[in-house]
Amino acid sequence: MVTKALRREKIRFRVRKKISGTTGRPRLSVFRSNSDIYVQLIDDTTGKTVASASSRDKDIAALKGTKVEKSKMVGAAIARKASDLGLQDVTFDRSGYLYHGRVKAVADGAREGGLKF
């Protein structure tokens, strides 16, 4: 029996074979839980997380709004952190989730913040 989580994991591994982050163009990885959303900029050549943001950060968690609105704020926050590091180009990794709802909101917020996919 194939569960939803197993299906997502297979998709995630299939996509990860094709994309990876470099020092100049890190991978923007998204993780979505039931209540929160987390994003990381990852340099796969060194295996290090360059920057991260989540809906649990104090400035975002204190604000009222739906999960989609908070996801857009998380995208804007990671874009700010990336621009502080001098990064503009990233590779978007949706981690097997559909490009819809909260995942799309993160991407839209990051694009509005100045990141290029």
PDB file of N, CA and C in Angstrom:
ATOM      1  N   MET A   1       0.837  -1.182   0.000  1.00  0.00           N
ATOM      2  CA  MET A   1       0.000   0.000   0.000  1.00  0.00           C
ATOM      3  C   MET A   1       0.884   1.249   0.000  1.00  0.00           C
ATOM      4  N   VAL A   2       0.628   2.135  -0.931  1.00  0.00           N
ATOM      5  CA  VAL A   2       1.415   3.355  -1.062  1.00  0.00           C
ATOM      6  C   VAL A   2       0.698   4.476  -0.319  1.00  0.00           C
ATOM      7  N   THR A   3       1.357   4.997   0.710  1.00  0.00           N
ATOM      8  CA  THR A   3       0.776   6.095   1.471  1.00  0.00           C
ATOM      9  C   THR A   3       1.136   7.422   0.803  1.00  0.00           C
ATOM     10  N   LYS A   4       0.496   8.470   1.259  1.00  0.00           N
ATOM     11  CA  LYS A   4       0.756   9.807   0.727  1.00  0.00           C
ATOM     12  C   LYS A   4       2.208  10.216   0.990  1.00  0.00           C
ATOM     13  N   ALA A   5       2.701   9.901   2.169  1.00  0.00           N
ATOM     14  CA  ALA A   5       4.071  10.271   2.538  1.00  0.00           C
ATOM     15  C   ALA A   5       5.089   9.509   1.686  1.00  0.00           C
ATOM     16  N   LEU A   6       4.830   8.235   1.419  1.00  0.00           N
ATOM     17  CA  LEU A   6       5.728   7.433   0.590  1.00  0.00           C
ATOM     18  C   LEU A   6       5.754   7.954  -0.838  1.00  0.00           C
ATOM     19  N   ARG A   7       4.593   8.328  -1.342  1.00  0.00           N
ATOM     20  CA  ARG A   7       4.486   8.874  -2.691  1.00  0.00           C
ATOM     21  C   ARG A   7       5.275  10.171  -2.798  1.00  0.00           C
ATOM     22  N   ARG A   8       5.138  11.040  -1.789  1.00  0.00           N
ATOM     23  CA  ARG A   8       5.864  12.304  -1.788  1.00  0.00           C
ATOM     24  C   ARG A   8       7.368  12.068  -1.719  1.00  0.00           C
ATOM     25  N   GLU A   9       7.778  11.084  -0.945  1.00  0.00           N
ATOM     26  CA  GLU A   9       9.196  10.780  -0.807  1.00  0.00           C
ATOM     27  C   GLU A   9       9.794  10.304  -2.132  1.00  0.00           C
ATOM     28  N   LYS A  10       9.050   9.482  -2.861  1.00  0.00           N
ATOM     29  CA  LYS A  10       9.518   9.010  -4.169  1.00  0.00           C
ATOM     30  C   LYS A  10       9.665  10.178  -5.149  1.00  0.00           C
ATOM     31  N   ILE A  11       8.696  11.094  -5.115  1.00  0.00           N
ATOM     32  CA  ILE A  11       8.769  12.275  -5.978  1.00  0.00           C
ATOM     33  C   ILE A  11       9.973  13.122  -5.585  1.00  0.00           C
ATOM     34  N   ARG A  12      10.168  13.290  -4.267  1.00  0.00           N
ATOM     35  CA  ARG A  12      11.270  14.110  -3.759  1.00  0.00           C
ATOM     36  C   ARG A  12      12.621  13.550  -4.205  1.00  0.00           C
ATOM     37  N   PHE A  13      12.805  12.241  -4.118  1.00  0.00           N
ATOM     38  CA  PHE A  13      14.060  11.629  -4.537  1.00  0.00           C
ATOM     39  C   PHE A  13      14.264  11.750  -6.047  1.00  0.00           C
ATOM     40  N   ARG A  14      13.196  11.617  -6.808  1.00  0.00           N
ATOM     41  CA  ARG A  14      13.284  11.729  -8.261  1.00  0.00           C
ATOM     42  C   ARG A  14      13.715  13.139  -8.671  1.00  0.00           C
ATOM     43  N   VAL A  15      13.156  14.143  -8.005  1.00  0.00           N
ATOM     44  CA  VAL A  15      13.508  15.525  -8.317  1.00  0.00           C
ATOM     45  C   VAL A  15      14.927  15.835  -7.856  1.00  0.00           C
ATOM     46  N   ARG A  16      15.331  15.330  -6.697  1.00  0.00           N
ATOM     47  CA  ARG A  16      16.655  15.619  -6.139  1.00  0.00           C
ATOM     48  C   ARG A  16      17.782  15.024  -6.975  1.00  0.00           C
ATOM     49  N   LYS A  17      17.472  14.009  -7.804  1.00  0.00           N
ATOM     50  CA  LYS A  17      18.486  13.479  -8.709  1.00  0.00           C
ATOM     51  C   LYS A  17      18.872  14.521  -9.752  1.00  0.00           C
ATOM     52  N   LYS A  18      17.915  15.382 -10.088  1.00  0.00           N
ATOM     53  CA  LYS A  18      18.123  16.337 -11.176  1.00  0.00           C
ATOM     54  C   LYS A  18      18.626  17.700 -10.710  1.00  0.00           C
ATOM     55  N   ILE A  19      18.254  18.130  -9.493  1.00  0.00           N
ATOM     56  CA  ILE A  19      18.637  19.474  -9.054  1.00  0.00           C
ATOM     57  C   ILE A  19      19.552  19.406  -7.841  1.00  0.00           C
ATOM     58  N   SER A  20      20.446  20.381  -7.756  1.00  0.00           N
ATOM     59  CA  SER A  20      21.277  20.522  -6.562  1.00  0.00           C
ATOM     60  C   SER A  20      21.708  21.977  -6.467  1.00  0.00           C
ATOM     61  N   GLY A  21      22.047  22.395  -5.267  1.00  0.00           N
ATOM     62  CA  GLY A  21      22.449  23.774  -5.039  1.00  0.00           C
ATOM     63  C   GLY A  21      23.951  23.918  -5.061  1.00  0.00           C
ATOM     64  N   THR A  22      24.408  25.057  -5.540  1.00  0.00           N
ATOM     65  CA  THR A  22      25.837  25.359  -5.551  1.00  0.00           C
ATOM     66  C   THR A  22      26.069  26.591  -4.681  1.00  0.00           C
ATOM     67  N   THR A  23      27.314  26.994  -4.571  1.00  0.00           N
ATOM     68  CA  THR A  23      27.623  28.167  -3.762  1.00  0.00           C
ATOM     69  C   THR A  23      26.998  29.424  -4.359  1.00  0.00           C
ATOM     70  N   GLY A  24      27.042  29.559  -5.671  1.00  0.00           N
ATOM     71  CA  GLY A  24      26.477  30.726  -6.330  1.00  0.00           C
ATOM     72  C   GLY A  24      24.972  30.662  -6.521  1.00  0.00           C
ATOM     73  N   ARG A  25      24.435  29.441  -6.572  1.00  0.00           N
ATOM     74  CA  ARG A  25      22.999  29.248  -6.782  1.00  0.00           C
ATOM     75  C   ARG A  25      22.506  28.148  -5.842  1.00  0.00           C
ATOM     76  N   PRO A  26      22.218  28.495  -4.577  1.00  0.00           N
ATOM     77  CA  PRO A  26      21.796  27.480  -3.611  1.00  0.00           C
ATOM     78  C   PRO A  26      20.393  26.958  -3.891  1.00  0.00           C
ATOM     79  N   ARG A  27      20.076  25.833  -3.275  1.00  0.00           N
ATOM     80  CA  ARG A  27      18.766  25.209  -3.432  1.00  0.00           C
ATOM     81  C   ARG A  27      17.834  25.747  -2.353  1.00  0.00           C
ATOM     82  N   LEU A  28      16.664  26.239  -2.762  1.00  0.00           N
ATOM     83  CA  LEU A  28      15.639  26.729  -1.836  1.00  0.00           C
ATOM     84  C   LEU A  28      14.696  25.572  -1.553  1.00  0.00           C
ATOM     85  N   SER A  29      14.900  24.917  -0.412  1.00  0.00           N
ATOM     86  CA  SER A  29      14.135  23.733  -0.050  1.00  0.00           C
ATOM     87  C   SER A  29      12.976  24.106   0.863  1.00  0.00           C
ATOM     88  N   VAL A  30      11.799  23.532   0.591  1.00  0.00           N
ATOM     89  CA  VAL A  30      10.582  23.831   1.337  1.00  0.00           C
ATOM     90  C   VAL A  30      10.145  22.585   2.098  1.00  0.00           C
ATOM     91  N   PHE A  31       9.815  22.746   3.382  1.00  0.00           N
ATOM     92  CA  PHE A  31       9.179  21.678   4.150  1.00  0.00           C
ATOM     93  C   PHE A  31       7.892  22.230   4.726  1.00  0.00           C
ATOM     94  N   ARG A  32       6.823  21.470   4.548  1.00  0.00           N
ATOM     95  CA  ARG A  32       5.499  21.923   4.976  1.00  0.00           C
ATOM     96  C   ARG A  32       4.954  20.925   5.996  1.00  0.00           C
ATOM     97  N   SER A  33       4.684  21.403   7.205  1.00  0.00           N
ATOM     98  CA  SER A  33       4.001  20.566   8.184  1.00  0.00           C
ATOM     99  C   SER A  33       2.538  20.994   8.209  1.00  0.00           C
ATOM    100  N   ASN A  34       1.748  20.371   9.045  1.00  0.00           N
ATOM    101  CA  ASN A  34       0.332  20.734   9.090  1.00  0.00           C
ATOM    102  C   ASN A  34       0.120  22.170   9.543  1.00  0.00           C
ATOM    103  N   SER A  35       0.960  22.637  10.457  1.00  0.00           N
ATOM    104  CA  SER A  35       0.737  23.973  11.016  1.00  0.00           C
ATOM    105  C   SER A  35       1.747  25.022  10.555  1.00  0.00           C
ATOM    106  N   ASP A  36       2.958  24.617  10.167  1.00  0.00           N
ATOM    107  CA  ASP A  36       4.012  25.572   9.853  1.00  0.00           C
ATOM    108  C   ASP A  36       4.671  25.251   8.519  1.00  0.00           C
ATOM    109  N   ILE A  37       5.505  26.178   8.075  1.00  0.00           N
ATOM    110  CA  ILE A  37       6.278  25.977   6.846  1.00  0.00           C
ATOM    111  C   ILE A  37       7.702  26.444   7.094  1.00  0.00           C
ATOM    112  N   TYR A  38       8.661  25.713   6.563  1.00  0.00           N
ATOM    113  CA  TYR A  38      10.076  25.982   6.785  1.00  0.00           C
ATOM    114  C   TYR A  38      10.782  26.021   5.439  1.00  0.00           C
ATOM    115  N   VAL A  39      11.707  26.957   5.243  1.00  0.00           N
ATOM    116  CA  VAL A  39      12.504  27.020   4.018  1.00  0.00           C
ATOM    117  C   VAL A  39      13.977  27.170   4.386  1.00  0.00           C
ATOM    118  N   GLN A  40      14.829  26.591   3.539  1.00  0.00           N
ATOM    119  CA  GLN A  40      16.270  26.666   3.749  1.00  0.00           C
ATOM    120  C   GLN A  40      16.954  26.935   2.423  1.00  0.00           C
ATOM    121  N   LEU A  41      18.022  27.693   2.466  1.00  0.00           N
ATOM    122  CA  LEU A  41      18.921  27.828   1.324  1.00  0.00           C
ATOM    123  C   LEU A  41      20.088  26.890   1.582  1.00  0.00           C
ATOM    124  N   ILE A  42      20.275  25.897   0.715  1.00  0.00           N
ATOM    125  CA  ILE A  42      21.255  24.849   0.955  1.00  0.00           C
ATOM    126  C   ILE A  42      22.301  24.837  -0.161  1.00  0.00           C
ATOM    127  N   ASP A  43      23.568  24.811   0.243  1.00  0.00           N
ATOM    128  CA  ASP A  43      24.685  24.629  -0.681  1.00  0.00           C
ATOM    129  C   ASP A  43      25.036  23.147  -0.656  1.00  0.00           C
ATOM    130  N   ASP A  44      24.669  22.419  -1.703  1.00  0.00           N
ATOM    131  CA  ASP A  44      24.870  20.970  -1.716  1.00  0.00           C
ATOM    132  C   ASP A  44      26.311  20.563  -1.955  1.00  0.00           C
ATOM    133  N   THR A  45      27.149  21.454  -2.476  1.00  0.00           N
ATOM    134  CA  THR A  45      28.544  21.091  -2.681  1.00  0.00           C
ATOM    135  C   THR A  45      29.269  20.930  -1.349  1.00  0.00           C
ATOM    136  N   THR A  46      28.924  21.767  -0.359  1.00  0.00           N
ATOM    137  CA  THR A  46      29.539  21.650   0.967  1.00  0.00           C
ATOM    138  C   THR A  46      28.605  20.982   1.969  1.00  0.00           C
ATOM    139  N   GLY A  47      27.326  20.846   1.620  1.00  0.00           N
ATOM    140  CA  GLY A  47      26.362  20.216   2.518  1.00  0.00           C
ATOM    141  C   GLY A  47      25.951  21.120   3.673  1.00  0.00           C
ATOM    142  N   LYS A  48      26.008  22.424   3.466  1.00  0.00           N
ATOM    143  CA  LYS A  48      25.693  23.373   4.526  1.00  0.00           C
ATOM    144  C   LYS A  48      24.420  24.154   4.210  1.00  0.00           C
ATOM    145  N   THR A  49      23.681  24.498   5.272  1.00  0.00           N
ATOM    146  CA  THR A  49      22.540  25.393   5.142  1.00  0.00           C
ATOM    147  C   THR A  49      23.048  26.819   5.251  1.00  0.00           C
ATOM    148  N   VAL A  50      22.800  27.608   4.213  1.00  0.00           N
ATOM    149  CA  VAL A  50      23.295  28.982   4.152  1.00  0.00           C
ATOM    150  C   VAL A  50      22.394  29.908   4.962  1.00  0.00           C
ATOM    151  N   ALA A  51      21.066  29.754   4.804  1.00  0.00           N
ATOM    152  CA  ALA A  51      20.101  30.591   5.518  1.00  0.00           C
ATOM    153  C   ALA A  51      18.803  29.817   5.654  1.00  0.00           C
ATOM    154  N   SER A  52      18.001  30.195   6.637  1.00  0.00           N
ATOM    155  CA  SER A  52      16.713  29.532   6.808  1.00  0.00           C
ATOM    156  C   SER A  52      15.699  30.521   7.362  1.00  0.00           C
ATOM    157  N   ALA A  53      14.431  30.181   7.152  1.00  0.00           N
ATOM    158  CA  ALA A  53      13.327  30.984   7.686  1.00  0.00           C
ATOM    159  C   ALA A  53      12.143  30.045   7.873  1.00  0.00           C
ATOM    160  N   SER A  54      11.260  30.395   8.798  1.00  0.00           N
ATOM    161  CA  SER A  54      10.072  29.568   9.012  1.00  0.00           C
ATOM    162  C   SER A  54       8.947  30.413   9.560  1.00  0.00           C
ATOM    163  N   SER A  55       7.770  29.829   9.566  1.00  0.00           N
ATOM    164  CA  SER A  55       6.615  30.537  10.113  1.00  0.00           C
ATOM    165  C   SER A  55       6.657  30.549  11.635  1.00  0.00           C
ATOM    166  N   ARG A  56       7.642  29.896  12.229  1.00  0.00           N
ATOM    167  CA  ARG A  56       7.793  29.905  13.677  1.00  0.00           C
ATOM    168  C   ARG A  56       8.755  30.988  14.145  1.00  0.00           C
ATOM    169  N   ASP A  57       9.384  31.708  13.208  1.00  0.00           N
ATOM    170  CA  ASP A  57      10.230  32.842  13.580  1.00  0.00           C
ATOM    171  C   ASP A  57       9.374  33.874  14.311  1.00  0.00           C
ATOM    172  N   LYS A  58       9.960  34.546  15.286  1.00  0.00           N
ATOM    173  CA  LYS A  58       9.184  35.426  16.170  1.00  0.00           C
ATOM    174  C   LYS A  58       8.430  36.518  15.431  1.00  0.00           C
ATOM    175  N   ASP A  59       9.074  37.147  14.444  1.00  0.00           N
ATOM    176  CA  ASP A  59       8.411  38.250  13.750  1.00  0.00           C
ATOM    177  C   ASP A  59       7.228  37.785  12.902  1.00  0.00           C
ATOM    178  N   ILE A  60       7.292  36.572  12.364  1.00  0.00           N
ATOM    179  CA  ILE A  60       6.187  36.046  11.540  1.00  0.00           C
ATOM    180  C   ILE A  60       5.113  35.405  12.416  1.00  0.00           C
ATOM    181  N   ALA A  61       5.527  34.679  13.448  1.00  0.00           N
ATOM    182  CA  ALA A  61       4.563  34.002  14.318  1.00  0.00           C
ATOM    183  C   ALA A  61       3.702  34.992  15.090  1.00  0.00           C
ATOM    184  N   ALA A  62       4.223  36.182  15.348  1.00  0.00           N
ATOM    185  CA  ALA A  62       3.471  37.183  16.115  1.00  0.00           C
ATOM    186  C   ALA A  62       2.342  37.798  15.302  1.00  0.00           C
ATOM    187  N   LEU A  63       2.448  37.713  13.975  1.00  0.00           N
ATOM    188  CA  LEU A  63       1.433  38.319  13.110  1.00  0.00           C
ATOM    189  C   LEU A  63       0.231  37.399  12.955  1.00  0.00           C
ATOM    190  N   LYS A  64      -0.929  38.016  12.787  1.00  0.00           N
ATOM    191  CA  LYS A  64      -2.146  37.257  12.532  1.00  0.00           C
ATOM    192  C   LYS A  64      -2.270  37.029  11.025  1.00  0.00           C
ATOM    193  N   GLY A  65      -2.932  35.953  10.652  1.00  0.00           N
ATOM    194  CA  GLY A  65      -3.148  35.688   9.236  1.00  0.00           C
ATOM    195  C   GLY A  65      -3.295  34.203   8.983  1.00  0.00           C
ATOM    196  N   THR A  66      -3.680  33.878   7.763  1.00  0.00           N
ATOM    197  CA  THR A  66      -3.838  32.478   7.389  1.00  0.00           C
ATOM    198  C   THR A  66      -2.471  31.856   7.144  1.00  0.00           C
ATOM    199  N   LYS A  67      -2.446  30.540   6.984  1.00  0.00           N
ATOM    200  CA  LYS A  67      -1.190  29.847   6.741  1.00  0.00           C
ATOM    201  C   LYS A  67      -0.591  30.258   5.398  1.00  0.00           C
ATOM    202  N   VAL A  68      -1.447  30.537   4.422  1.00  0.00           N
ATOM    203  CA  VAL A  68      -0.954  30.965   3.107  1.00  0.00           C
ATOM    204  C   VAL A  68      -0.309  32.346   3.209  1.00  0.00           C
ATOM    205  N   GLU A  69      -0.917  33.252   3.957  1.00  0.00           N
ATOM    206  CA  GLU A  69      -0.344  34.591   4.133  1.00  0.00           C
ATOM    207  C   GLU A  69       0.991  34.519   4.861  1.00  0.00           C
ATOM    208  N   LYS A  70       1.078  33.669   5.881  1.00  0.00           N
ATOM    209  CA  LYS A  70       2.336  33.511   6.610  1.00  0.00           C
ATOM    210  C   LYS A  70       3.405  32.888   5.718  1.00  0.00           C
ATOM    211  N   SER A  71       2.990  31.985   4.835  1.00  0.00           N
ATOM    212  CA  SER A  71       3.939  31.361   3.909  1.00  0.00           C
ATOM    213  C   SER A  71       4.551  32.395   2.981  1.00  0.00           C
ATOM    214  N   LYS A  72       3.740  33.348   2.547  1.00  0.00           N
ATOM    215  CA  LYS A  72       4.249  34.420   1.683  1.00  0.00           C
ATOM    216  C   LYS A  72       5.266  35.269   2.441  1.00  0.00           C
ATOM    217  N   MET A  73       4.998  35.509   3.736  1.00  0.00           N
ATOM    218  CA  MET A  73       5.940  36.264   4.559  1.00  0.00           C
ATOM    219  C   MET A  73       7.247  35.502   4.745  1.00  0.00           C
ATOM    220  N   VAL A  74       7.169  34.172   4.858  1.00  0.00           N
ATOM    221  CA  VAL A  74       8.374  33.346   4.986  1.00  0.00           C
ATOM    222  C   VAL A  74       9.204  33.455   3.709  1.00  0.00           C
ATOM    223  N   GLY A  75       8.544  33.454   2.553  1.00  0.00           N
ATOM    224  CA  GLY A  75       9.251  33.631   1.288  1.00  0.00           C
ATOM    225  C   GLY A  75       9.962  34.968   1.212  1.00  0.00           C
ATOM    226  N   ALA A  76       9.293  36.023   1.673  1.00  0.00           N
ATOM    227  CA  ALA A  76       9.908  37.349   1.684  1.00  0.00           C
ATOM    228  C   ALA A  76      11.083  37.399   2.658  1.00  0.00           C
ATOM    229  N   ALA A  77      10.949  36.698   3.799  1.00  0.00           N
ATOM    230  CA  ALA A  77      12.022  36.685   4.805  1.00  0.00           C
ATOM    231  C   ALA A  77      13.266  35.983   4.266  1.00  0.00           C
ATOM    232  N   ILE A  78      13.088  34.868   3.567  1.00  0.00           N
ATOM    233  CA  ILE A  78      14.260  34.151   3.027  1.00  0.00           C
ATOM    234  C   ILE A  78      14.896  34.965   1.913  1.00  0.00           C
ATOM    235  N   ALA A  79      14.092  35.727   1.179  1.00  0.00           N
ATOM    236  CA  ALA A  79      14.641  36.587   0.122  1.00  0.00           C
ATOM    237  C   ALA A  79      15.496  37.700   0.728  1.00  0.00           C
ATOM    238  N   ARG A  80      15.034  38.261   1.857  1.00  0.00           N
ATOM    239  CA  ARG A  80      15.826  39.289   2.553  1.00  0.00           C
ATOM    240  C   ARG A  80      17.158  38.722   3.024  1.00  0.00           C
ATOM    241  N   LYS A  81      17.106  37.527   3.622  1.00  0.00           N
ATOM    242  CA  LYS A  81      18.342  36.911   4.128  1.00  0.00           C
ATOM    243  C   LYS A  81      19.294  36.583   2.985  1.00  0.00           C
ATOM    244  N   ALA A  82      18.744  36.154   1.855  1.00  0.00           N
ATOM    245  CA  ALA A  82      19.582  35.832   0.695  1.00  0.00           C
ATOM    246  C   ALA A  82      20.233  37.088   0.127  1.00  0.00           C
ATOM    247  N   SER A  83      19.474  38.175   0.065  1.00  0.00           N
ATOM    248  CA  SER A  83      20.053  39.416  -0.476  1.00  0.00           C
ATOM    249  C   SER A  83      21.125  39.968   0.455  1.00  0.00           C
ATOM    250  N   ASP A  84      20.970  39.754   1.770  1.00  0.00           N
ATOM    251  CA  ASP A  84      22.017  40.153   2.710  1.00  0.00           C
ATOM    252  C   ASP A  84      23.306  39.378   2.468  1.00  0.00           C
ATOM    253  N   LEU A  85      23.177  38.136   2.010  1.00  0.00           N
ATOM    254  CA  LEU A  85      24.340  37.302   1.705  1.00  0.00           C
ATOM    255  C   LEU A  85      24.854  37.531   0.287  1.00  0.00           C
ATOM    256  N   GLY A  86      24.150  38.362  -0.484  1.00  0.00           N
ATOM    257  CA  GLY A  86      24.564  38.650  -1.854  1.00  0.00           C
ATOM    258  C   GLY A  86      24.093  37.619  -2.858  1.00  0.00           C
ATOM    259  N   LEU A  87      23.030  36.904  -2.551  1.00  0.00           N
ATOM    260  CA  LEU A  87      22.503  35.876  -3.458  1.00  0.00           C
ATOM    261  C   LEU A  87      21.229  36.379  -4.116  1.00  0.00           C
ATOM    262  N   GLN A  88      21.115  36.139  -5.427  1.00  0.00           N
ATOM    263  CA  GLN A  88      19.898  36.497  -6.142  1.00  0.00           C
ATOM    264  C   GLN A  88      19.273  35.295  -6.821  1.00  0.00           C
ATOM    265  N   ASP A  89      20.092  34.385  -7.324  1.00  0.00           N
ATOM    266  CA  ASP A  89      19.593  33.222  -8.055  1.00  0.00           C
ATOM    267  C   ASP A  89      19.546  32.009  -7.143  1.00  0.00           C
ATOM    268  N   VAL A  90      18.429  31.293  -7.171  1.00  0.00           N
ATOM    269  CA  VAL A  90      18.281  30.062  -6.404  1.00  0.00           C
ATOM    270  C   VAL A  90      17.607  29.001  -7.281  1.00  0.00           C
ATOM    271  N   THR A  91      17.729  27.762  -6.857  1.00  0.00           N
ATOM    272  CA  THR A  91      17.017  26.659  -7.485  1.00  0.00           C
ATOM    273  C   THR A  91      15.906  26.257  -6.533  1.00  0.00           C
ATOM    274  N   PHE A  92      14.664  26.258  -7.000  1.00  0.00           N
ATOM    275  CA  PHE A  92      13.514  25.976  -6.137  1.00  0.00           C
ATOM    276  C   PHE A  92      13.296  24.477  -6.032  1.00  0.00           C
ATOM    277  N   ASP A  93      13.230  23.979  -4.804  1.00  0.00           N
ATOM    278  CA  ASP A  93      12.983  22.560  -4.534  1.00  0.00           C
ATOM    279  C   ASP A  93      11.700  22.456  -3.727  1.00  0.00           C
ATOM    280  N   ARG A  94      10.632  21.994  -4.362  1.00  0.00           N
ATOM    281  CA  ARG A  94       9.341  21.925  -3.688  1.00  0.00           C
ATOM    282  C   ARG A  94       9.202  20.671  -2.828  1.00  0.00           C
ATOM    283  N   SER A  95      10.200  19.827  -2.805  1.00  0.00           N
ATOM    284  CA  SER A  95      10.271  18.640  -1.936  1.00  0.00           C
ATOM    285  C   SER A  95       9.111  17.668  -2.113  1.00  0.00           C
ATOM    286  N   GLY A  96       8.647  17.516  -3.331  1.00  0.00           N
ATOM    287  CA  GLY A  96       7.581  16.547  -3.595  1.00  0.00           C
ATOM    288  C   GLY A  96       6.181  17.068  -3.367  1.00  0.00           C
ATOM    289  N   TYR A  97       6.057  18.293  -2.863  1.00  0.00           N
ATOM    290  CA  TYR A  97       4.725  18.877  -2.668  1.00  0.00           C
ATOM    291  C   TYR A  97       4.242  19.457  -3.986  1.00  0.00           C
ATOM    292  N   LEU A  98       2.921  19.520  -4.153  1.00  0.00           N
ATOM    293  CA  LEU A  98       2.367  20.155  -5.336  1.00  0.00           C
ATOM    294  C   LEU A  98       2.659  21.651  -5.288  1.00  0.00           C
ATOM    295  N   TYR A  99       2.924  22.246  -6.447  1.00  0.00           N
ATOM    296  CA  TYR A  99       3.175  23.684  -6.520  1.00  0.00           C
ATOM    297  C   TYR A  99       1.816  24.384  -6.461  1.00  0.00           C
ATOM    298  N   HIS A 100       1.309  24.502  -5.254  1.00  0.00           N
ATOM    299  CA  HIS A 100      -0.049  24.981  -5.035  1.00  0.00           C
ATOM    300  C   HIS A 100      -0.163  25.433  -3.588  1.00  0.00           C
ATOM    301  N   GLY A 101      -0.997  26.407  -3.311  1.00  0.00           N
ATOM    302  CA  GLY A 101      -1.260  26.807  -1.933  1.00  0.00           C
ATOM    303  C   GLY A 101      -0.062  27.407  -1.247  1.00  0.00           C
ATOM    304  N   ARG A 102       0.339  26.801  -0.121  1.00  0.00           N
ATOM    305  CA  ARG A 102       1.414  27.367   0.701  1.00  0.00           C
ATOM    306  C   ARG A 102       2.766  27.317   0.014  1.00  0.00           C
ATOM    307  N   VAL A 103       3.023  26.257  -0.750  1.00  0.00           N
ATOM    308  CA  VAL A 103       4.308  26.146  -1.456  1.00  0.00           C
ATOM    309  C   VAL A 103       4.413  27.241  -2.519  1.00  0.00           C
ATOM    310  N   LYS A 104       3.332  27.481  -3.232  1.00  0.00           N
ATOM    311  CA  LYS A 104       3.296  28.546  -4.238  1.00  0.00           C
ATOM    312  C   LYS A 104       3.431  29.912  -3.577  1.00  0.00           C
ATOM    313  N   ALA A 105       2.827  30.082  -2.399  1.00  0.00           N
ATOM    314  CA  ALA A 105       2.909  31.357  -1.684  1.00  0.00           C
ATOM    315  C   ALA A 105       4.347  31.660  -1.266  1.00  0.00           C
ATOM    316  N   VAL A 106       5.093  30.641  -0.845  1.00  0.00           N
ATOM    317  CA  VAL A 106       6.503  30.837  -0.497  1.00  0.00           C
ATOM    318  C   VAL A 106       7.271  31.303  -1.729  1.00  0.00           C
ATOM    319  N   ALA A 107       7.037  30.647  -2.860  1.00  0.00           N
ATOM    320  CA  ALA A 107       7.731  31.009  -4.102  1.00  0.00           C
ATOM    321  C   ALA A 107       7.379  32.437  -4.521  1.00  0.00           C
ATOM    322  N   ASP A 108       6.101  32.804  -4.425  1.00  0.00           N
ATOM    323  CA  ASP A 108       5.677  34.156  -4.797  1.00  0.00           C
ATOM    324  C   ASP A 108       6.310  35.204  -3.885  1.00  0.00           C
ATOM    325  N   GLY A 109       6.335  34.932  -2.584  1.00  0.00           N
ATOM    326  CA  GLY A 109       6.954  35.854  -1.633  1.00  0.00           C
ATOM    327  C   GLY A 109       8.443  36.017  -1.885  1.00  0.00           C
ATOM    328  N   ALA A 110       9.118  34.916  -2.233  1.00  0.00           N
ATOM    329  CA  ALA A 110      10.554  34.975  -2.509  1.00  0.00           C
ATOM    330  C   ALA A 110      10.824  35.757  -3.797  1.00  0.00           C
ATOM    331  N   ARG A 111       9.983  35.556  -4.799  1.00  0.00           N
ATOM    332  CA  ARG A 111      10.145  36.289  -6.058  1.00  0.00           C
ATOM    333  C   ARG A 111       9.917  37.790  -5.844  1.00  0.00           C
ATOM    334  N   GLU A 112       8.885  38.123  -5.072  1.00  0.00           N
ATOM    335  CA  GLU A 112       8.630  39.548  -4.792  1.00  0.00           C
ATOM    336  C   GLU A 112       9.771  40.159  -3.994  1.00  0.00           C
ATOM    337  N   GLY A 113      10.443  39.341  -3.178  1.00  0.00           N
ATOM    338  CA  GLY A 113      11.580  39.819  -2.403  1.00  0.00           C
ATOM    339  C   GLY A 113      12.854  39.977  -3.219  1.00  0.00           C
ATOM    340  N   GLY A 114      12.842  39.508  -4.466  1.00  0.00           N
ATOM    341  CA  GLY A 114      14.004  39.718  -5.335  1.00  0.00           C
ATOM    342  C   GLY A 114      14.758  38.475  -5.746  1.00  0.00           C
ATOM    343  N   LEU A 115      14.313  37.286  -5.320  1.00  0.00           N
ATOM    344  CA  LEU A 115      15.001  36.064  -5.742  1.00  0.00           C
ATOM    345  C   LEU A 115      14.558  35.668  -7.140  1.00  0.00           C
ATOM    346  N   LYS A 116      15.479  35.089  -7.894  1.00  0.00           N
ATOM    347  CA  LYS A 116      15.173  34.606  -9.248  1.00  0.00           C
ATOM    348  C   LYS A 116      15.302  33.092  -9.256  1.00  0.00           C
ATOM    349  N   PHE A 117      14.300  32.416  -9.782  1.00  0.00           N
ATOM    350  CA  PHE A 117      14.330  30.947  -9.874  1.00  0.00           C
ATOM    351  C   PHE A 117      14.741  30.567 -11.287  1.00  0.00           C
TER     352      PHE A 117
END
